């Protein structure tokens, strides 16, 4: 069950740590840390590189956006783009690691369970 998930997902290039928390720590918010509504997360999750045509719903924006457009807006180099990882459930992007959370998974006033996800490279 997701509220007991406190394990790390390890890959040669990255480590993701999932921790059940009671509230969002606004004083300790960095690009490497996101808080998600646990009830919106469906297992299994997967980590993958971005692909042409990928899109998501960026936190704080209305509507969807292609990742290629996000990368252009962020002025990412080709190497930075190639080294960008995505946390996904099925075909939905939850988080562009170290960049932006998907709006559909954000914590709201209706959230009952919160998962803190930390990314280390």
N, C-alpha and C. Protein backbone atom coordinates (compact mmCIF):
# COMPACT_ATOMS: atom_id res chain seq x y z
N UNK A 1 0.84 -1.18 0.00
CA UNK A 1 0.00 0.00 0.00
C UNK A 1 0.88 1.24 0.00
N UNK A 2 0.44 2.25 -0.69
CA UNK A 2 1.28 3.43 -0.92
C UNK A 2 1.67 4.16 0.36
N UNK A 3 0.80 4.18 1.38
CA UNK A 3 1.14 4.95 2.58
C UNK A 3 2.25 4.30 3.40
N UNK A 4 2.63 3.08 3.05
CA UNK A 4 3.75 2.44 3.72
C UNK A 4 5.02 2.45 2.87
N UNK A 5 4.96 3.10 1.73
CA UNK A 5 6.07 3.09 0.80
C UNK A 5 7.17 4.02 1.27
N UNK A 6 8.25 3.46 1.74
CA UNK A 6 9.40 4.25 2.16
C UNK A 6 10.66 3.59 1.64
N UNK A 7 10.59 3.16 0.41
CA UNK A 7 11.71 2.47 -0.19
C UNK A 7 12.34 3.35 -1.26
N UNK A 8 13.56 3.05 -1.61
CA UNK A 8 14.23 3.78 -2.68
C UNK A 8 14.23 2.96 -3.95
N UNK A 9 14.00 3.61 -5.06
CA UNK A 9 14.13 2.99 -6.36
C UNK A 9 15.51 3.34 -6.86
N UNK A 10 16.29 2.34 -7.17
CA UNK A 10 17.68 2.61 -7.53
C UNK A 10 17.94 2.20 -8.97
N UNK A 11 18.65 3.06 -9.68
CA UNK A 11 19.06 2.84 -11.04
C UNK A 11 20.51 3.30 -11.10
N UNK A 12 21.23 2.93 -12.12
CA UNK A 12 22.62 3.35 -12.21
C UNK A 12 22.77 4.86 -12.13
N UNK A 13 21.80 5.60 -12.64
CA UNK A 13 21.93 7.05 -12.73
C UNK A 13 21.18 7.81 -11.65
N UNK A 14 20.27 7.18 -10.93
CA UNK A 14 19.45 7.96 -10.00
C UNK A 14 18.91 7.12 -8.87
N UNK A 15 18.47 7.82 -7.82
CA UNK A 15 17.79 7.20 -6.68
C UNK A 15 16.55 8.03 -6.39
N UNK A 16 15.40 7.37 -6.28
CA UNK A 16 14.17 8.01 -5.85
C UNK A 16 13.78 7.43 -4.50
N UNK A 17 13.47 8.31 -3.56
CA UNK A 17 13.03 7.88 -2.24
C UNK A 17 11.60 8.35 -2.02
N UNK A 18 10.74 7.44 -1.59
CA UNK A 18 9.33 7.74 -1.33
C UNK A 18 9.10 7.69 0.17
N UNK A 19 8.44 8.72 0.69
CA UNK A 19 8.20 8.79 2.13
C UNK A 19 6.80 9.34 2.39
N UNK A 20 6.05 8.66 3.22
CA UNK A 20 4.74 9.14 3.62
C UNK A 20 4.93 10.25 4.66
N UNK A 21 4.31 11.41 4.42
CA UNK A 21 4.44 12.55 5.34
C UNK A 21 3.05 13.10 5.65
N UNK A 22 2.98 13.86 6.73
CA UNK A 22 1.68 14.43 7.15
C UNK A 22 1.37 15.76 6.48
N UNK A 23 2.42 16.51 6.13
CA UNK A 23 2.19 17.81 5.51
C UNK A 23 3.36 18.18 4.61
N UNK A 24 3.12 19.16 3.75
CA UNK A 24 4.16 19.68 2.86
C UNK A 24 5.04 20.61 3.66
N UNK A 25 6.35 20.42 3.56
CA UNK A 25 7.32 21.27 4.25
C UNK A 25 7.75 22.38 3.29
N UNK A 26 7.08 23.53 3.35
CA UNK A 26 7.35 24.62 2.43
C UNK A 26 8.73 25.24 2.63
N UNK A 27 9.32 25.06 3.80
CA UNK A 27 10.65 25.61 4.07
C UNK A 27 11.74 24.73 3.46
N UNK A 28 11.39 23.52 3.11
CA UNK A 28 12.37 22.57 2.61
C UNK A 28 11.95 22.08 1.22
N UNK A 29 11.68 23.02 0.31
CA UNK A 29 11.23 22.69 -1.03
C UNK A 29 12.33 23.03 -2.03
N UNK A 30 12.75 22.02 -2.76
CA UNK A 30 13.79 22.17 -3.77
C UNK A 30 13.34 21.46 -5.04
N UNK A 31 14.07 21.67 -6.14
CA UNK A 31 13.72 21.01 -7.40
C UNK A 31 13.79 19.49 -7.28
N UNK A 32 14.60 19.00 -6.33
CA UNK A 32 14.79 17.55 -6.18
C UNK A 32 13.72 16.91 -5.30
N UNK A 33 12.79 17.70 -4.78
CA UNK A 33 11.76 17.19 -3.87
C UNK A 33 10.38 17.62 -4.38
N UNK A 34 9.46 16.66 -4.45
CA UNK A 34 8.07 16.99 -4.75
C UNK A 34 7.17 16.29 -3.75
N UNK A 35 6.00 16.85 -3.57
CA UNK A 35 4.96 16.26 -2.72
C UNK A 35 3.77 15.96 -3.62
N UNK A 36 3.28 14.73 -3.54
CA UNK A 36 2.16 14.33 -4.39
C UNK A 36 1.02 13.78 -3.55
N UNK A 37 -0.17 13.84 -4.11
CA UNK A 37 -1.35 13.26 -3.49
C UNK A 37 -1.28 11.75 -3.66
N UNK A 38 -1.09 11.03 -2.58
CA UNK A 38 -0.91 9.57 -2.64
C UNK A 38 -2.10 8.85 -3.26
N UNK A 39 -3.29 9.38 -3.09
CA UNK A 39 -4.48 8.72 -3.64
C UNK A 39 -4.55 8.82 -5.16
N UNK A 40 -3.76 9.68 -5.75
CA UNK A 40 -3.74 9.82 -7.21
C UNK A 40 -2.66 8.97 -7.86
N UNK A 41 -1.84 8.33 -7.05
CA UNK A 41 -0.75 7.50 -7.55
C UNK A 41 -1.21 6.05 -7.63
N UNK A 42 -0.98 5.43 -8.77
CA UNK A 42 -1.33 4.02 -8.98
C UNK A 42 -0.06 3.25 -9.32
N UNK A 43 0.16 2.17 -8.60
CA UNK A 43 1.33 1.32 -8.85
C UNK A 43 1.04 0.40 -10.03
N UNK A 44 2.05 -0.05 -10.75
CA UNK A 44 3.46 0.23 -10.53
C UNK A 44 3.87 1.54 -11.19
N UNK A 45 4.89 2.17 -10.64
CA UNK A 45 5.48 3.36 -11.24
C UNK A 45 6.70 2.95 -12.03
N UNK A 46 7.06 3.77 -13.00
CA UNK A 46 8.29 3.49 -13.74
C UNK A 46 9.05 4.78 -13.98
N UNK A 47 10.34 4.64 -14.13
CA UNK A 47 11.22 5.76 -14.45
C UNK A 47 11.76 5.50 -15.84
N UNK A 48 11.68 6.52 -16.69
CA UNK A 48 12.17 6.37 -18.06
C UNK A 48 12.68 7.70 -18.58
N UNK A 49 13.38 7.63 -19.70
CA UNK A 49 13.82 8.84 -20.39
C UNK A 49 12.63 9.41 -21.18
N UNK A 50 12.71 10.70 -21.48
CA UNK A 50 11.63 11.32 -22.25
C UNK A 50 11.70 10.85 -23.70
N UNK A 51 10.54 10.91 -24.35
CA UNK A 51 10.43 10.52 -25.75
C UNK A 51 9.72 11.63 -26.52
N UNK A 52 10.04 11.73 -27.78
CA UNK A 52 9.40 12.72 -28.63
C UNK A 52 7.88 12.51 -28.59
N UNK A 53 7.13 13.57 -28.41
CA UNK A 53 5.67 13.48 -28.32
C UNK A 53 5.14 13.41 -26.90
N UNK A 54 6.03 13.21 -25.91
CA UNK A 54 5.60 13.20 -24.50
C UNK A 54 5.01 14.56 -24.13
N UNK A 55 3.97 14.51 -23.33
CA UNK A 55 3.38 15.74 -22.81
C UNK A 55 2.94 15.51 -21.37
N UNK A 56 2.73 16.63 -20.67
CA UNK A 56 2.21 16.56 -19.30
C UNK A 56 1.48 17.85 -19.01
N UNK A 57 0.95 17.98 -17.80
CA UNK A 57 0.20 19.15 -17.37
C UNK A 57 1.03 19.85 -16.29
N UNK A 58 1.86 20.84 -16.68
CA UNK A 58 2.79 21.45 -15.72
C UNK A 58 2.09 22.11 -14.54
N UNK A 59 2.65 21.91 -13.36
CA UNK A 59 2.14 22.54 -12.15
C UNK A 59 2.08 24.05 -12.34
N UNK A 60 0.93 24.63 -12.02
CA UNK A 60 0.77 26.07 -12.11
C UNK A 60 0.32 26.56 -13.47
N UNK A 61 0.10 25.66 -14.42
CA UNK A 61 -0.32 26.06 -15.76
C UNK A 61 -1.65 25.39 -16.10
N UNK A 62 -2.37 25.99 -17.00
CA UNK A 62 -3.61 25.41 -17.51
C UNK A 62 -3.29 24.62 -18.77
N UNK A 63 -3.83 23.44 -18.89
CA UNK A 63 -3.66 22.65 -20.10
C UNK A 63 -2.36 21.87 -20.14
N UNK A 64 -2.22 21.13 -21.26
CA UNK A 64 -1.04 20.29 -21.39
C UNK A 64 0.06 20.98 -22.18
N UNK A 65 1.27 20.44 -22.02
CA UNK A 65 2.43 21.01 -22.70
C UNK A 65 3.34 19.87 -23.13
N UNK A 66 3.86 19.95 -24.34
CA UNK A 66 4.84 18.97 -24.80
C UNK A 66 6.14 19.18 -24.04
N UNK A 67 6.80 18.07 -23.71
CA UNK A 67 8.08 18.19 -23.02
C UNK A 67 9.10 18.92 -23.87
N UNK A 68 9.06 18.72 -25.18
CA UNK A 68 10.01 19.43 -26.05
C UNK A 68 9.83 20.94 -25.92
N UNK A 69 8.59 21.41 -25.74
CA UNK A 69 8.35 22.85 -25.54
C UNK A 69 8.84 23.30 -24.17
N UNK A 70 8.65 22.48 -23.15
CA UNK A 70 9.17 22.81 -21.82
C UNK A 70 10.68 22.95 -21.88
N UNK A 71 11.35 22.00 -22.54
CA UNK A 71 12.80 22.04 -22.63
C UNK A 71 13.28 23.28 -23.37
N UNK A 72 12.55 23.69 -24.39
CA UNK A 72 12.89 24.92 -25.12
C UNK A 72 12.73 26.12 -24.20
N UNK A 73 11.62 26.18 -23.46
CA UNK A 73 11.39 27.28 -22.52
C UNK A 73 12.49 27.36 -21.47
N UNK A 74 12.96 26.20 -21.01
CA UNK A 74 14.00 26.15 -19.98
C UNK A 74 15.41 26.31 -20.55
N UNK A 75 15.48 26.39 -21.89
CA UNK A 75 16.76 26.55 -22.59
C UNK A 75 17.75 25.43 -22.24
N UNK A 76 17.24 24.20 -22.24
CA UNK A 76 18.08 23.05 -21.93
C UNK A 76 18.96 22.68 -23.12
N UNK A 77 20.18 22.30 -22.84
CA UNK A 77 21.08 21.82 -23.89
C UNK A 77 20.65 20.41 -24.30
N UNK A 78 21.20 19.94 -25.41
CA UNK A 78 20.89 18.59 -25.87
C UNK A 78 21.28 17.56 -24.82
N UNK A 79 22.42 17.74 -24.18
CA UNK A 79 22.87 16.82 -23.14
C UNK A 79 21.91 16.82 -21.95
N UNK A 80 21.44 18.00 -21.54
CA UNK A 80 20.48 18.09 -20.43
C UNK A 80 19.17 17.39 -20.79
N UNK A 81 18.72 17.57 -22.03
CA UNK A 81 17.49 16.89 -22.47
C UNK A 81 17.66 15.38 -22.44
N UNK A 82 18.80 14.91 -22.94
CA UNK A 82 19.05 13.47 -22.98
C UNK A 82 19.17 12.86 -21.59
N UNK A 83 19.54 13.66 -20.61
CA UNK A 83 19.71 13.17 -19.24
C UNK A 83 18.49 13.43 -18.36
N UNK A 84 17.37 13.80 -18.96
CA UNK A 84 16.15 14.06 -18.20
C UNK A 84 15.36 12.77 -18.03
N UNK A 85 15.00 12.50 -16.78
CA UNK A 85 14.22 11.31 -16.42
C UNK A 85 12.79 11.71 -16.08
N UNK A 86 11.87 10.78 -16.29
CA UNK A 86 10.46 10.97 -15.98
C UNK A 86 9.99 9.89 -15.02
N UNK A 87 9.20 10.29 -14.03
CA UNK A 87 8.51 9.34 -13.17
C UNK A 87 7.09 9.23 -13.73
N UNK A 88 6.67 8.00 -14.06
CA UNK A 88 5.39 7.81 -14.74
C UNK A 88 4.57 6.71 -14.09
N UNK A 89 3.26 6.83 -14.28
CA UNK A 89 2.34 5.72 -14.01
C UNK A 89 1.62 5.48 -15.32
N UNK A 90 1.69 4.26 -15.79
CA UNK A 90 1.18 3.95 -17.13
C UNK A 90 1.80 4.93 -18.12
N UNK A 91 0.99 5.66 -18.87
CA UNK A 91 1.53 6.63 -19.83
C UNK A 91 1.50 8.05 -19.30
N UNK A 92 1.09 8.25 -18.05
CA UNK A 92 1.00 9.59 -17.47
C UNK A 92 2.30 9.97 -16.78
N UNK A 93 2.79 11.15 -17.09
CA UNK A 93 4.00 11.66 -16.45
C UNK A 93 3.59 12.30 -15.13
N UNK A 94 4.17 11.82 -14.04
CA UNK A 94 3.91 12.39 -12.72
C UNK A 94 4.86 13.55 -12.46
N UNK A 95 6.12 13.34 -12.84
CA UNK A 95 7.16 14.33 -12.51
C UNK A 95 8.26 14.27 -13.56
N UNK A 96 8.61 15.43 -14.09
CA UNK A 96 9.83 15.57 -14.88
C UNK A 96 10.91 15.81 -13.84
N UNK A 97 11.69 14.77 -13.54
CA UNK A 97 12.60 14.81 -12.40
C UNK A 97 13.50 16.04 -12.42
N UNK A 98 13.54 16.70 -11.29
CA UNK A 98 14.39 17.86 -11.09
C UNK A 98 13.92 19.09 -11.87
N UNK A 99 12.70 19.00 -12.45
CA UNK A 99 12.21 20.12 -13.27
C UNK A 99 10.81 20.58 -12.84
N UNK A 100 9.79 19.71 -13.08
CA UNK A 100 8.42 20.15 -12.87
C UNK A 100 7.50 18.98 -12.56
N UNK A 101 6.59 19.19 -11.61
CA UNK A 101 5.56 18.22 -11.24
C UNK A 101 4.36 18.39 -12.16
N UNK A 102 3.67 17.31 -12.42
CA UNK A 102 2.42 17.37 -13.18
C UNK A 102 1.31 17.86 -12.26
N UNK A 103 0.53 18.80 -12.75
CA UNK A 103 -0.54 19.43 -11.98
C UNK A 103 -1.57 18.43 -11.46
N UNK A 104 -1.77 17.33 -12.18
CA UNK A 104 -2.80 16.35 -11.80
C UNK A 104 -2.47 15.60 -10.51
N UNK A 105 -1.20 15.65 -10.08
CA UNK A 105 -0.77 14.88 -8.91
C UNK A 105 -0.43 15.76 -7.71
N UNK A 106 -0.68 17.05 -7.83
CA UNK A 106 -0.30 17.98 -6.76
C UNK A 106 -1.14 17.76 -5.50
N UNK A 107 -0.60 18.23 -4.40
CA UNK A 107 -1.30 18.21 -3.11
C UNK A 107 -2.28 19.39 -3.09
N UNK A 108 -3.52 19.11 -2.69
CA UNK A 108 -4.54 20.15 -2.59
C UNK A 108 -5.14 20.14 -1.19
N UNK A 109 -6.09 21.03 -0.96
CA UNK A 109 -6.76 21.06 0.35
C UNK A 109 -7.59 19.79 0.59
N UNK A 110 -7.87 19.04 -0.47
CA UNK A 110 -8.65 17.80 -0.36
C UNK A 110 -7.77 16.56 -0.18
N UNK A 111 -6.47 16.74 -0.23
CA UNK A 111 -5.53 15.61 -0.12
C UNK A 111 -5.57 15.02 1.29
N UNK A 112 -5.66 13.70 1.36
CA UNK A 112 -5.68 13.01 2.66
C UNK A 112 -4.33 12.38 2.99
N UNK A 113 -3.63 11.88 1.97
CA UNK A 113 -2.32 11.24 2.17
C UNK A 113 -1.31 11.88 1.23
N UNK A 114 -0.14 12.18 1.78
CA UNK A 114 0.91 12.86 1.01
C UNK A 114 2.14 11.98 0.93
N UNK A 115 2.70 11.91 -0.27
CA UNK A 115 3.97 11.23 -0.48
C UNK A 115 5.02 12.28 -0.87
N UNK A 116 6.13 12.26 -0.16
CA UNK A 116 7.28 13.10 -0.48
C UNK A 116 8.23 12.24 -1.32
N UNK A 117 8.57 12.74 -2.51
CA UNK A 117 9.49 12.01 -3.38
C UNK A 117 10.75 12.85 -3.52
N UNK A 118 11.88 12.22 -3.23
CA UNK A 118 13.17 12.90 -3.31
C UNK A 118 14.01 12.23 -4.39
N UNK A 119 14.64 13.06 -5.21
CA UNK A 119 15.46 12.60 -6.33
C UNK A 119 16.92 12.89 -6.05
N UNK A 120 17.75 11.88 -6.19
CA UNK A 120 19.20 12.05 -6.07
C UNK A 120 19.85 11.46 -7.30
N UNK A 121 20.85 12.17 -7.81
CA UNK A 121 21.54 11.69 -9.00
C UNK A 121 22.95 11.32 -8.67
